[in-house]
Structures are given as structure tokens and as C-alpha cells.
Amino acid sequence: MLEVNELHVFYGDFQALFGIDFRIEAGQTVSIIGANGAGKSTFLKTLCGQLRPRSGSILFEGRPIDDRPPSTIAGLGISMVPEGRRLFPSLSVEENILSGRFSGRNGPWTLERVYRLFPALQLHRNAPAMTLSGGQQQMAAIGRALMANPRLLICDEISLGLAPAVIKDIYAALPQLLQEGVALILVEQDVNTALSVSDYAYCFMHGRVSLQGQPGTLSKTEISDAYFGIQ
């Protein structure tokens, strides 16, 4: 579904990503782990069109997207749940969720289906979004992304700042997101949680892929070394 080859990304003269290769197939969950500053968010911004690569290629379902604007990429079927949720403070919960329809894509995700996935949101549908708890705000951000009916859903640090019980509830909903062949990129600093639901994993360090493989084949020592840069 998504194929990235030799991706190099800069902020001005500062190089942030060095030759990243990445693959994900329909129906897969692929996690990206790494410490702060490893390049994870830069990679996601590049996939979504917020940054342009200096060189390399990004193919989504066989089409090059590395020179496309974010609105076009969203229309093709890539949707992101951003770090920090970034709900619209002036809108209600339901208005925030419905704003995900801007891409105009048709598909299985409707407001009613989002409410079935996260019943707590329906109870607060008319409340200002920022009055929700942190976990409920994360559910609203996921619902907004699903309303775009993505083929590829990207979740950036969805467990950040949430209580363990809330994280468990959100992760329990992930299998339903993968229906209809949707692929999921999961970016997390919570290594164990991310690997527990992933088919494949990449570890980023200093803008490079320091380790990759199926989670069951990666030892704790390998992961620790790749995460912290221990030689």
C-alpha cells in the first residue's frame, strides 16, 4: 500500500531523515518506535505532505505522492491522528468529528459507526470538545480521522499522557479500524504497547532506521540498543 525509498528530508540546511526505507501492506499494523528527536514526526509530516523530501520517493497504492499537497494526499486516503489530538476548541465534539469529512471520500465510516466504536462520545456530542477528558479527546481525534474514510491511518503518540486503563480501551478498538483492509501506522514511545499489536516494527534513531523486523523476532536487547543508540 505504501512504499518509501531512500527518503532524505531537511529543515533548511539541517538534515532530519537519512535514506529511510519503509513498507506497509493493506490490513497491516506497523509501529515506529524511537526516542524524542529520532525523526518519527518528521517522517509522518513528510508522508502527509507537510514536508517535501529533498530526495527519495513515496508511493501510495502505486502513485507518487512526495510532491502532493496535504489536501490531495488526504483525498487519496491517508489520514492522521496527530500528537496532542489538536481538536478545534470552538467546535463541539460532534462538529470536530464531522470535520473529518472534508476530504470528500466515501466509505464505511459514518458518524453513527464512530459513536458505536466510542459510545462515550455520543453522550457528549454537543459539549465543547475541550471539556472532554484526555482519553475522550483522543477518541474524538480518532473518530475525526476515520470520518475521512482512510485507506491508511496514521496514529502519532495516541497513548501520550493517558492513564493505563484509557490506553487499554483505545488499543482495544484498534482491530475494528483495520476492517476493509485499512492499514495502520502506529508511532509510539510506549514500546511494549506498540509492539504487542504490530505485525512489523521500525525503530528510528537520529533520522535513520536503526532496527526493523517482526516484533516476535526482535530481542529486548536489540530493541534497547537500537532505541538508545548503544553500540
Protein backbone atom coordinates (compact mmCIF):
# COMPACT_ATOMS: atom_id res chain seq x y z
CA MET A 1 0.00 0.00 0.00
CA LEU A 2 2.77 2.45 0.96
CA GLU A 3 6.37 2.21 -0.20
CA VAL A 4 9.08 4.68 0.82
CA ASN A 5 12.53 4.53 -0.77
CA GLU A 6 15.73 6.36 0.20
CA LEU A 7 13.89 9.28 1.78
CA HIS A 8 16.05 12.30 2.70
CA VAL A 9 14.34 15.24 4.42
CA PHE A 10 15.79 18.58 5.52
CA TYR A 11 14.75 21.59 7.60
CA GLY A 12 16.69 24.23 5.74
CA ASP A 13 20.31 23.10 5.92
CA PHE A 14 19.65 20.63 8.74
CA GLN A 15 19.11 17.06 7.60
CA ALA A 16 16.45 15.25 9.65
CA LEU A 17 15.98 11.96 7.77
CA PHE A 18 18.70 9.91 6.12
CA GLY A 19 17.72 7.37 3.46
CA ILE A 20 14.58 5.98 5.09
CA ASP A 21 13.06 2.84 3.53
CA PHE A 22 9.61 1.79 4.74
CA ARG A 23 6.81 -0.55 3.66
CA ILE A 24 3.27 -1.30 4.80
CA GLU A 25 0.63 -3.55 3.23
CA ALA A 26 -3.17 -3.39 3.38
CA GLY A 27 -4.51 -4.69 6.68
CA GLN A 28 -1.15 -4.44 8.45
CA THR A 29 -0.28 -2.62 11.64
CA VAL A 30 3.27 -1.28 11.54
CA SER A 31 4.77 0.50 14.52
CA ILE A 32 7.51 3.12 14.52
CA ILE A 33 9.32 3.48 17.83
CA GLY A 34 12.16 5.72 18.92
CA ALA A 35 13.16 8.38 21.39
CA ASN A 36 12.31 12.08 21.13
CA GLY A 37 14.15 13.62 18.19
CA ALA A 38 14.56 10.30 16.38
CA GLY A 39 12.74 11.59 13.29
CA LYS A 40 9.36 9.93 13.75
CA SER A 41 7.22 13.07 13.49
CA THR A 42 9.29 14.38 10.58
CA PHE A 43 8.62 11.13 8.75
CA LEU A 44 4.89 11.39 9.35
CA LYS A 45 4.76 15.02 8.24
CA THR A 46 6.51 14.02 5.04
CA LEU A 47 4.04 11.21 4.38
CA CYS A 48 1.16 13.65 4.83
CA GLY A 49 2.64 16.34 2.57
CA GLN A 50 3.51 18.86 5.26
CA LEU A 51 7.19 18.50 4.38
CA ARG A 52 8.77 17.84 0.99
CA PRO A 53 11.66 15.38 0.73
CA ARG A 54 14.96 16.57 -0.74
CA SER A 55 15.26 13.19 -2.47
CA GLY A 56 13.73 9.74 -2.44
CA SER A 57 10.23 8.55 -3.30
CA ILE A 58 6.89 7.89 -1.61
CA LEU A 59 4.41 5.66 -3.43
CA PHE A 60 0.86 5.21 -2.16
CA GLU A 61 -1.01 2.43 -3.90
CA GLY A 62 1.46 2.75 -6.75
CA ARG A 63 1.12 6.54 -7.16
CA PRO A 64 3.88 9.01 -6.28
CA ILE A 65 2.75 11.44 -3.55
CA ASP A 66 6.02 13.07 -2.44
CA ASP A 67 5.15 16.25 -4.38
CA ARG A 68 1.44 16.36 -3.49
CA PRO A 69 -0.12 18.88 -1.05
CA PRO A 70 -1.74 17.61 2.17
CA SER A 71 -5.29 18.09 0.87
CA THR A 72 -4.61 15.88 -2.14
CA ILE A 73 -2.95 13.21 -0.01
CA ALA A 74 -5.94 13.18 2.35
CA GLY A 75 -8.23 12.80 -0.64
CA LEU A 76 -6.25 9.78 -1.78
CA GLY A 77 -6.90 8.06 1.54
CA ILE A 78 -4.20 8.92 4.10
CA SER A 79 -5.47 10.28 7.42
CA MET A 80 -3.56 11.12 10.59
CA VAL A 81 -4.42 11.34 14.27
CA PRO A 82 -1.87 13.99 15.32
CA GLU A 83 0.14 14.05 18.51
CA GLY A 84 -1.72 16.12 21.09
CA ARG A 85 -5.08 15.47 19.37
CA ARG A 86 -5.43 19.07 18.09
CA LEU A 87 -9.19 19.30 18.31
CA PHE A 88 -10.87 22.57 17.40
CA PRO A 89 -11.66 24.35 20.71
CA SER A 90 -14.51 26.39 19.23
CA LEU A 91 -16.37 23.32 17.95
CA SER A 92 -18.47 20.73 19.71
CA VAL A 93 -17.46 17.08 19.92
CA GLU A 94 -19.71 16.16 17.01
CA GLU A 95 -18.59 19.12 14.90
CA ASN A 96 -14.97 18.07 15.42
CA ILE A 97 -15.73 14.53 14.30
CA LEU A 98 -17.70 15.71 11.27
CA SER A 99 -14.83 17.98 10.19
CA GLY A 100 -13.05 14.82 9.10
CA ARG A 101 -15.37 14.61 6.10
CA PHE A 102 -13.59 17.48 4.33
CA SER A 103 -11.70 15.08 2.06
CA GLY A 104 -14.96 14.06 0.41
CA ARG A 105 -14.10 10.36 0.42
CA ASN A 106 -16.95 7.87 0.57
CA GLY A 107 -16.63 4.73 2.61
CA PRO A 108 -17.84 2.66 5.55
CA TRP A 109 -17.15 5.17 8.33
CA THR A 110 -20.11 7.31 9.34
CA LEU A 111 -20.90 9.35 12.42
CA GLU A 112 -23.12 6.55 13.70
CA ARG A 113 -20.33 4.00 13.31
CA VAL A 114 -17.86 6.25 15.16
CA TYR A 115 -20.38 6.50 18.01
CA ARG A 116 -20.73 2.71 18.09
CA LEU A 117 -16.94 2.43 18.35
CA PHE A 118 -16.71 5.11 21.07
CA PRO A 119 -20.10 5.33 22.85
CA ALA A 120 -18.83 7.93 25.32
CA LEU A 121 -18.56 10.47 22.51
CA GLN A 122 -22.25 10.25 21.72
CA LEU A 123 -23.09 11.09 25.31
CA HIS A 124 -21.10 14.33 24.97
CA ARG A 125 -21.82 15.04 21.30
CA ASN A 126 -22.98 18.64 21.87
CA ALA A 127 -20.39 19.56 24.50
CA PRO A 128 -17.36 21.74 23.68
CA ALA A 129 -14.57 19.38 22.66
CA MET A 130 -12.12 20.70 25.22
CA THR A 131 -14.42 19.75 28.13
CA LEU A 132 -13.79 16.06 27.42
CA SER A 133 -11.25 14.04 29.36
CA GLY A 134 -7.91 13.37 27.70
CA GLY A 135 -8.95 9.87 26.70
CA GLN A 136 -12.25 11.06 25.25
CA GLN A 137 -10.45 13.77 23.30
CA GLN A 138 -8.20 11.08 21.83
CA MET A 139 -11.26 9.08 20.84
CA ALA A 140 -12.71 12.18 19.15
CA ALA A 141 -9.45 12.71 17.25
CA ILE A 142 -9.51 9.11 16.06
CA GLY A 143 -13.17 9.46 15.08
CA ARG A 144 -12.39 12.60 13.09
CA ALA A 145 -9.64 10.77 11.20
CA LEU A 146 -11.93 7.82 10.48
CA MET A 147 -14.58 10.12 9.02
CA ALA A 148 -12.15 10.74 6.15
CA ASN A 149 -12.55 7.02 5.32
CA PRO A 150 -8.81 6.43 5.04
CA ARG A 151 -7.04 3.54 3.38
CA LEU A 152 -4.02 4.31 5.59
CA LEU A 153 -4.49 5.62 9.14
CA ILE A 154 -1.52 7.15 10.96
CA CYS A 155 -1.66 7.50 14.76
CA ASP A 156 1.01 9.68 16.35
CA GLU A 157 1.54 9.04 20.08
CA ILE A 158 -2.09 8.18 20.85
CA SER A 159 -1.21 6.97 24.36
CA LEU A 160 0.73 10.10 25.36
CA GLY A 161 -0.38 11.46 28.73
CA LEU A 162 -3.23 8.98 29.19
CA ALA A 163 -3.93 6.65 32.09
CA PRO A 164 -3.15 2.95 31.51
CA ALA A 165 -6.84 1.96 31.67
CA VAL A 166 -7.70 4.53 28.99
CA ILE A 167 -4.82 3.38 26.79
CA LYS A 168 -6.11 -0.19 27.09
CA ASP A 169 -9.59 0.89 25.94
CA ILE A 170 -8.23 2.79 22.94
CA TYR A 171 -5.96 -0.05 21.87
CA ALA A 172 -8.86 -2.49 22.23
CA ALA A 173 -10.65 -0.52 19.49
CA LEU A 174 -7.77 -0.75 17.01
CA PRO A 175 -8.78 -4.08 15.42
CA GLN A 176 -12.05 -2.51 14.27
CA LEU A 177 -10.08 0.20 12.48
CA LEU A 178 -8.35 -2.40 10.32
CA GLN A 179 -11.51 -3.73 8.75
CA GLU A 180 -11.95 -3.32 5.00
CA GLY A 181 -8.18 -3.65 4.51
CA VAL A 182 -7.19 -0.36 6.18
CA ALA A 183 -3.50 -0.20 7.16
CA LEU A 184 -2.32 1.40 10.40
CA ILE A 185 0.95 3.15 11.17
CA LEU A 186 1.36 3.45 14.92
CA VAL A 187 4.01 5.83 16.25
CA GLU A 188 4.72 5.37 19.94
CA GLN A 189 7.31 5.84 22.65
CA ASP A 190 5.49 3.12 24.63
CA VAL A 191 7.46 0.30 23.04
CA ASN A 192 5.76 -2.70 24.65
CA THR A 193 2.25 -1.49 23.87
CA ALA A 194 3.10 -0.69 20.25
CA LEU A 195 4.87 -3.97 19.58
CA SER A 196 2.08 -6.00 21.16
CA VAL A 197 -0.36 -5.03 18.37
CA SER A 198 2.04 -4.74 15.42
CA ASP A 199 2.80 -7.03 12.50
CA TYR A 200 6.11 -5.28 11.85
CA ALA A 201 8.18 -2.61 13.56
CA TYR A 202 10.76 0.03 12.70
CA CYS A 203 12.99 1.75 15.23
CA PHE A 204 14.23 5.24 14.34
CA MET A 205 17.34 6.83 15.79
CA HIS A 206 18.92 10.12 14.69
CA GLY A 207 16.86 10.14 11.48
CA ARG A 208 17.78 6.62 10.42
CA VAL A 209 16.20 3.19 10.71
CA SER A 210 18.27 1.53 13.43
CA LEU A 211 16.28 -1.73 13.60
CA GLN A 212 13.35 -3.39 11.85
CA GLY A 213 11.57 -6.71 11.87
CA GLN A 214 8.62 -8.68 13.14
CA PRO A 215 8.18 -7.94 16.86
CA GLY A 216 8.43 -11.61 17.81
CA THR A 217 11.87 -11.86 16.24
CA LEU A 218 13.36 -8.82 17.97
CA SER A 219 15.00 -9.31 21.36
CA LYS A 220 14.71 -6.80 24.19
CA THR A 221 18.45 -6.20 23.94
CA GLU A 222 18.25 -5.44 20.21
CA ILE A 223 15.36 -3.06 20.74
CA SER A 224 17.08 -1.29 23.64
CA ASP A 225 20.31 -0.91 21.71
CA ALA A 226 18.53 0.43 18.62
CA TYR A 227 16.34 2.77 20.68
CA PHE A 228 19.09 4.32 22.78
CA GLY A 229 22.00 4.01 20.35
CA ILE A 230 24.03 1.62 22.44
CA GLN A 231 26.87 0.03 20.49
